[in-house]
Amino acid sequence: MSTEKKPLLEVKHLKKYFQVGKKQTLKAVDDVTLEVLKGETFGLVGESGCGKSTFGRTVIQLYEPTSGEVIYDGQAIDASLSANGHREFSRKMQMIFQDPYASLNPRMKVMDIVAEGMDAHQIASGKEREKKVLELLKTVGLSEEHANRFPHEFSGGQRQRVGIARALAVDPEFIICDEPISALDVSIQAQVINLLKELQKKRGLTYLFIAHDLSMVKHISDRIGVMYLGGLVELAESEELFEDPIHPYTRALLSAIPIPDPDAEKGRNRIMLEGSLPNPIDLKEGCRFASRCPHADEVCRKLSPEFKEVKPGHYAACHKAV
């Protein structure tokens, strides 16, 4: 893909399958290949259930991959990596979770929640530990008095800030943001997004930003990948994807974004997908979007399209892509 910057993360043919019952298999992530360049924000979007969160959790090794490669800064992250290697990887890559309440231990005070990573990696203790936590809380827009409170004493936006402080505590290089704003009020979402952008600029962070809100992803991302039923169907620079979407699924997603102009919204041409959503446990041969695609023909129903570069830096998995 792009050679202007060095890839910090390379994912090659990653698969994560789950056994459902005795004989059925759910292909949550199915042969995904992409790279995230150092210092960029890579947005990953798609409908609920498309596999984007599973992809993020598999990359960070919360789930063991079924097959494929995860390469971080030139080092393969697999069973051959030493215990110290895995430990260092877990320090360099952190995650901000979707539900800021469920991801925080309700029995722990914020001081100990934020310091968990520091304790695990033996980064700081005693007065230095306390000082670092208070600095982190200040960094994310909270105050010192918040350190002695429990998660239930905070608003959703404040809890997410605690989650961000916890992720920053071990001084990571790469952060996977798993729908970090979806559980927040719209008025708070922009604050959290602006905080993430500010932290990226100050600390040189790299983000994998997972979301289903395309307008927000456009605002924060340098490049965007679109997932559908476990597979990557399109990938391009943010502006390019919005100006010239190639895959029919991407076009449908973009047409669903509300426009804050009543006249323009009323006169726009929305793409309404018809047909039935395939059973993800029993995917048929051919393009997985064929049953809902208005352009599908016999070739689409029989052959899976190759994920290829259609024009410089713009990739798509579609037989009709030219």
Protein backbone atom coordinates (compact mmCIF):
# COMPACT_ATOMS: atom_id res chain seq x y z
CA MET A 1 0.00 0.00 0.00
CA SER A 2 1.31 3.51 0.74
CA THR A 3 5.10 3.79 1.08
CA GLU A 4 5.33 7.38 2.30
CA LYS A 5 5.37 6.36 5.95
CA LYS A 6 6.57 3.25 7.73
CA PRO A 7 3.80 0.80 8.69
CA LEU A 8 3.62 0.41 12.48
CA LEU A 9 1.04 -2.37 12.24
CA GLU A 10 0.74 -4.94 9.44
CA VAL A 11 -2.14 -7.41 9.41
CA LYS A 12 -1.96 -10.18 6.82
CA HIS A 13 -4.83 -12.56 5.99
CA LEU A 14 -6.14 -12.40 9.56
CA LYS A 15 -8.96 -14.80 10.44
CA LYS A 16 -10.90 -15.24 13.66
CA TYR A 17 -13.49 -18.02 13.64
CA PHE A 18 -15.80 -19.06 16.48
CA GLN A 19 -17.37 -22.49 16.82
CA VAL A 20 -21.15 -22.25 17.12
CA GLY A 21 -22.55 -25.53 18.35
CA LYS A 22 -20.86 -28.72 17.25
CA LYS A 23 -20.57 -28.26 13.51
CA GLN A 24 -21.13 -24.61 12.61
CA THR A 25 -18.51 -21.87 12.35
CA LEU A 26 -18.94 -18.11 12.61
CA LYS A 27 -16.33 -16.35 10.47
CA ALA A 28 -16.21 -13.13 12.48
CA VAL A 29 -13.03 -11.92 10.77
CA ASP A 30 -12.32 -13.56 7.45
CA ASP A 31 -9.03 -12.96 5.60
CA VAL A 32 -8.44 -9.27 6.41
CA THR A 33 -5.23 -7.62 5.22
CA LEU A 34 -4.32 -4.00 6.00
CA GLU A 35 -1.61 -1.82 7.46
CA VAL A 36 -1.65 1.17 9.78
CA LEU A 37 1.06 3.75 9.19
CA LYS A 38 3.00 5.28 12.06
CA GLY A 39 1.33 8.47 13.33
CA GLU A 40 -1.92 8.08 11.37
CA THR A 41 -5.50 7.40 12.40
CA PHE A 42 -6.95 4.45 10.52
CA GLY A 43 -10.76 4.35 10.69
CA LEU A 44 -12.54 1.00 10.51
CA VAL A 45 -16.29 1.18 9.86
CA GLY A 46 -19.26 -1.05 9.13
CA GLU A 47 -22.63 -2.15 10.48
CA SER A 48 -22.99 -3.69 13.93
CA GLY A 49 -21.91 -7.32 13.75
CA CYS A 50 -19.56 -6.89 10.78
CA GLY A 51 -16.52 -8.00 12.82
CA LYS A 52 -14.71 -4.70 13.34
CA SER A 53 -14.52 -4.96 17.15
CA THR A 54 -13.49 -8.62 16.91
CA PHE A 55 -10.76 -7.53 14.49
CA GLY A 56 -9.44 -4.99 17.01
CA ARG A 57 -9.50 -7.47 19.88
CA THR A 58 -7.73 -10.08 17.76
CA VAL A 59 -5.02 -7.62 16.73
CA ILE A 60 -4.30 -6.76 20.37
CA GLN A 61 -4.36 -10.50 21.23
CA LEU A 62 -7.43 -10.44 23.49
CA TYR A 63 -8.62 -13.13 21.07
CA GLU A 64 -6.22 -15.68 19.65
CA PRO A 65 -6.21 -15.52 15.82
CA THR A 66 -7.47 -18.57 13.96
CA SER A 67 -4.84 -17.87 11.31
CA GLY A 68 -2.96 -15.01 9.69
CA GLU A 69 -0.23 -12.64 10.82
CA VAL A 70 -0.10 -9.61 13.09
CA ILE A 71 3.21 -7.74 12.73
CA TYR A 72 3.93 -4.81 15.02
CA ASP A 73 6.90 -2.58 14.23
CA GLY A 74 8.50 -5.38 12.20
CA GLN A 75 7.99 -8.04 14.90
CA ALA A 76 5.53 -10.91 14.40
CA ILE A 77 3.14 -11.21 17.36
CA ASP A 78 2.57 -14.95 17.68
CA ALA A 79 3.40 -18.00 19.80
CA SER A 80 7.10 -17.74 18.90
CA LEU A 81 7.38 -14.38 20.67
CA SER A 82 8.95 -14.58 24.11
CA ALA A 83 7.09 -13.72 27.32
CA ASN A 84 9.06 -10.47 27.55
CA GLY A 85 8.18 -9.75 23.92
CA HIS A 86 4.45 -10.18 24.60
CA ARG A 87 4.79 -8.03 27.70
CA GLU A 88 6.44 -5.24 25.72
CA PHE A 89 3.82 -5.51 22.98
CA SER A 90 1.02 -5.18 25.56
CA ARG A 91 2.67 -2.00 26.82
CA LYS A 92 3.09 -0.45 23.38
CA MET A 93 -0.46 -1.23 22.21
CA GLN A 94 -3.43 -0.29 24.41
CA MET A 95 -7.20 -0.25 23.97
CA ILE A 96 -10.04 2.14 24.80
CA PHE A 97 -13.26 0.18 25.13
CA GLN A 98 -16.74 0.96 23.88
CA ASP A 99 -18.60 0.93 27.20
CA PRO A 100 -16.76 3.20 29.65
CA TYR A 101 -18.70 1.82 32.62
CA ALA A 102 -18.40 -1.90 31.93
CA SER A 103 -14.65 -1.58 31.25
CA LEU A 104 -13.89 0.02 34.66
CA ASN A 105 -13.81 -2.03 37.87
CA PRO A 106 -16.67 -0.62 39.98
CA ARG A 107 -14.90 -1.58 43.22
CA MET A 108 -11.70 0.29 42.47
CA LYS A 109 -11.02 3.98 42.84
CA VAL A 110 -9.83 5.93 39.80
CA MET A 111 -6.31 6.20 41.25
CA ASP A 112 -5.92 2.41 41.14
CA ILE A 113 -7.80 1.96 37.85
CA VAL A 114 -5.48 4.34 35.99
CA ALA A 115 -2.41 2.87 37.70
CA GLU A 116 -3.24 -0.78 36.86
CA GLY A 117 -0.99 -0.81 33.80
CA MET A 118 1.82 0.92 35.67
CA ASP A 119 1.60 -1.70 38.42
CA ALA A 120 1.59 -4.59 35.93
CA HIS A 121 4.62 -3.25 34.07
CA GLN A 122 6.35 -1.98 37.23
CA ILE A 123 6.64 1.52 35.77
CA ALA A 124 6.14 3.51 38.97
CA SER A 125 5.29 3.06 42.64
CA GLY A 126 4.62 5.11 45.76
CA LYS A 127 4.67 8.89 45.38
CA GLU A 128 5.83 8.68 41.74
CA ARG A 129 2.84 6.45 40.90
CA GLU A 130 0.46 8.91 42.51
CA LYS A 131 2.09 11.86 40.75
CA LYS A 132 1.84 10.17 37.32
CA VAL A 133 -1.85 9.32 37.83
CA LEU A 134 -2.69 12.89 38.82
CA GLU A 135 -0.80 14.19 35.77
CA LEU A 136 -2.72 11.80 33.51
CA LEU A 137 -6.06 12.87 34.97
CA LYS A 138 -5.13 16.49 34.29
CA THR A 139 -4.07 15.54 30.75
CA VAL A 140 -7.52 14.11 29.98
CA GLY A 141 -9.40 17.03 31.48
CA LEU A 142 -10.13 15.69 34.98
CA SER A 143 -8.92 17.03 38.34
CA GLU A 144 -6.95 15.62 41.29
CA GLU A 145 -10.09 15.18 43.40
CA HIS A 146 -11.42 12.67 40.87
CA ALA A 147 -8.63 10.23 41.80
CA ASN A 148 -10.40 9.09 44.96
CA ARG A 149 -13.81 8.53 43.39
CA PHE A 150 -15.43 5.34 42.10
CA PRO A 151 -16.62 4.90 38.47
CA HIS A 152 -20.32 5.22 39.38
CA GLU A 153 -19.68 8.78 40.58
CA PHE A 154 -18.83 9.97 37.05
CA SER A 155 -20.78 10.86 33.92
CA GLY A 156 -20.31 8.76 30.78
CA GLY A 157 -17.93 11.30 29.25
CA GLN A 158 -15.84 11.47 32.43
CA ARG A 159 -15.67 7.67 32.62
CA GLN A 160 -14.39 7.53 29.06
CA ARG A 161 -11.71 10.07 30.01
CA VAL A 162 -10.69 7.73 32.84
CA GLY A 163 -10.46 4.93 30.26
CA ILE A 164 -8.25 7.10 28.06
CA ALA A 165 -6.02 7.99 31.04
CA ARG A 166 -5.67 4.27 31.83
CA ALA A 167 -4.63 3.54 28.24
CA LEU A 168 -2.04 6.35 28.35
CA ALA A 169 -0.58 5.25 31.70
CA VAL A 170 2.00 2.89 30.18
CA ASP A 171 3.06 5.42 27.52
CA PRO A 172 1.84 3.41 24.48
CA GLU A 173 2.61 4.07 20.82
CA PHE A 174 -0.58 2.58 19.37
CA ILE A 175 -4.15 2.77 20.72
CA ILE A 176 -7.13 0.79 19.45
CA CYS A 177 -10.23 2.93 20.01
CA ASP A 178 -13.16 0.49 19.96
CA GLU A 179 -16.22 2.69 19.37
CA PRO A 180 -15.07 5.03 22.18
CA ILE A 181 -17.89 7.55 21.66
CA SER A 182 -20.91 5.39 20.75
CA ALA A 183 -22.16 5.20 24.36
CA LEU A 184 -21.85 8.96 24.89
CA ASP A 185 -24.21 11.88 24.32
CA VAL A 186 -23.64 13.77 21.07
CA SER A 187 -22.52 16.87 22.99
CA ILE A 188 -19.78 14.83 24.72
CA GLN A 189 -18.65 12.93 21.61
CA ALA A 190 -16.94 15.95 20.06
CA GLN A 191 -15.07 16.64 23.31
CA VAL A 192 -13.67 13.10 23.41
CA ILE A 193 -12.74 13.19 19.71
CA ASN A 194 -10.95 16.53 20.15
CA LEU A 195 -9.12 15.13 23.18
CA LEU A 196 -7.94 12.11 21.18
CA LYS A 197 -6.70 14.34 18.35
CA GLU A 198 -4.88 16.61 20.81
CA LEU A 199 -3.21 13.64 22.53
CA GLN A 200 -2.17 12.21 19.17
CA LYS A 201 -0.50 15.47 18.21
CA LYS A 202 1.32 15.86 21.55
CA ARG A 203 2.40 12.24 22.00
CA GLY A 204 2.81 11.05 18.40
CA LEU A 205 0.21 8.31 18.84
CA THR A 206 -1.13 5.99 16.17
CA TYR A 207 -4.84 5.06 16.27
CA LEU A 208 -7.03 2.29 14.94
CA PHE A 209 -10.42 4.01 15.32
CA ILE A 210 -13.34 1.56 15.16
CA ALA A 211 -16.82 3.05 14.73
CA HIS A 212 -20.10 2.89 12.84
CA ASP A 213 -20.57 6.69 12.67
CA LEU A 214 -19.07 7.54 9.27
CA SER A 215 -19.27 11.31 9.69
CA MET A 216 -17.21 11.13 12.90
CA VAL A 217 -14.74 8.70 11.34
CA LYS A 218 -14.21 11.11 8.44
CA HIS A 219 -13.47 13.89 10.94
CA ILE A 220 -10.68 11.98 12.70
CA SER A 221 -9.27 9.48 10.17
CA ASP A 222 -6.49 9.72 7.59
CA ARG A 223 -7.57 6.50 5.88
CA ILE A 224 -10.71 4.40 6.22
CA GLY A 225 -11.42 0.70 5.79
CA VAL A 226 -15.00 -0.58 5.34
CA MET A 227 -15.95 -4.03 6.67
CA TYR A 228 -18.92 -6.19 5.75
CA LEU A 229 -19.68 -9.62 7.26
CA GLY A 230 -16.11 -10.21 8.42
CA GLY A 231 -14.35 -9.04 5.26
CA LEU A 232 -12.78 -5.79 4.12
CA VAL A 233 -14.66 -4.46 1.08
CA GLU A 234 -13.02 -1.05 0.56
CA LEU A 235 -10.03 0.97 1.77
CA ALA A 236 -8.91 4.47 0.79
CA GLU A 237 -7.84 7.85 2.11
CA SER A 238 -10.67 9.55 3.98
CA GLU A 239 -11.41 12.30 1.44
CA GLU A 240 -11.09 9.90 -1.47
CA LEU A 241 -13.51 7.41 0.07
CA PHE A 242 -16.17 10.06 0.62
CA GLU A 243 -15.73 11.70 -2.78
CA ASP A 244 -15.50 8.55 -4.90
CA PRO A 245 -16.77 5.40 -3.14
CA ILE A 246 -16.35 2.31 -5.30
CA HIS A 247 -18.11 -0.52 -3.47
CA PRO A 248 -21.95 -0.52 -3.52
CA TYR A 249 -22.01 -1.15 0.23
CA THR A 250 -19.83 1.91 0.90
CA ARG A 251 -22.11 4.02 -1.30
CA ALA A 252 -25.13 2.86 0.67
CA LEU A 253 -23.45 3.67 3.98
CA LEU A 254 -22.47 7.16 2.82
CA SER A 255 -25.97 7.86 1.52
CA ALA A 256 -27.35 7.19 5.01
CA ILE A 257 -25.33 9.98 6.67
CA PRO A 258 -27.72 12.77 7.69
CA ILE A 259 -27.15 16.22 6.15
CA PRO A 260 -27.72 19.19 8.53
CA ASP A 261 -29.70 21.05 5.85
CA PRO A 262 -33.44 20.21 5.67
CA ASP A 263 -33.75 21.14 1.97
CA ALA A 264 -30.67 19.15 0.92
CA GLU A 265 -31.73 16.21 3.11
CA LYS A 266 -35.19 16.18 1.58
CA GLY A 267 -33.96 16.18 -2.01
CA ARG A 268 -31.08 13.72 -1.70
CA ASN A 269 -31.02 10.29 -3.29
CA ARG A 270 -30.71 7.64 -0.62
CA ILE A 271 -29.65 4.12 -1.52
CA MET A 272 -32.08 1.66 0.04
CA LEU A 273 -30.62 -1.82 0.20
CA GLU A 274 -33.06 -4.60 -0.58
CA GLY A 275 -32.69 -8.33 -0.24
CA SER A 276 -31.88 -10.31 2.87
CA LEU A 277 -28.76 -10.20 5.01
CA PRO A 278 -26.91 -13.53 4.65
CA ASN A 279 -26.59 -15.81 7.65
CA PRO A 280 -23.03 -15.15 8.89
CA ILE A 281 -22.81 -18.76 10.13
CA ASP A 282 -23.65 -20.14 6.70
CA LEU A 283 -22.06 -17.87 4.09
CA LYS A 284 -22.48 -19.04 0.51
CA GLU A 285 -19.90 -18.97 -2.27
CA GLY A 286 -19.37 -15.71 -4.13
CA CYS A 287 -19.53 -12.11 -2.99
CA ARG A 288 -20.98 -11.85 0.53
CA PHE A 289 -22.80 -8.65 -0.46
CA ALA A 290 -24.45 -10.17 -3.56
CA SER A 291 -27.84 -10.81 -1.89
CA ARG A 292 -28.25 -7.06 -1.17
CA CYS A 293 -26.37 -5.56 -4.11
CA PRO A 294 -28.43 -3.90 -6.88
CA HIS A 295 -25.66 -4.64 -9.43
CA ALA A 296 -25.03 -8.32 -8.63
CA ASP A 297 -25.03 -10.87 -11.46
CA GLU A 298 -24.21 -14.56 -11.81
CA VAL A 299 -20.45 -13.99 -11.52
CA CYS A 300 -20.95 -12.14 -8.21
CA ARG A 301 -22.99 -15.05 -6.83
CA LYS A 302 -20.41 -17.68 -7.79
CA LEU A 303 -16.99 -16.05 -7.32
CA SER A 304 -15.61 -14.14 -4.35
CA PRO A 305 -14.13 -10.84 -5.58
CA GLU A 306 -10.45 -10.15 -5.04
CA PHE A 307 -9.54 -7.26 -2.72
CA LYS A 308 -7.37 -5.26 -5.12
CA GLU A 309 -6.01 -1.79 -5.83
CA VAL A 310 -8.47 -0.16 -8.24
CA LYS A 311 -6.56 3.13 -8.38
CA PRO A 312 -3.53 4.41 -6.44
CA GLY A 313 -4.17 3.90 -2.71
CA HIS A 314 -7.82 2.92 -3.26
CA TYR A 315 -8.71 -0.76 -2.77
CA ALA A 316 -12.00 -2.57 -3.23
CA ALA A 317 -13.42 -6.10 -3.34
CA CYS A 318 -15.95 -5.86 -6.16
CA HIS A 319 -16.26 -7.53 -9.58
CA LYS A 320 -17.74 -4.31 -10.97
CA ALA A 321 -14.88 -2.07 -9.77
CA VAL A 322 -13.03 -0.41 -12.65
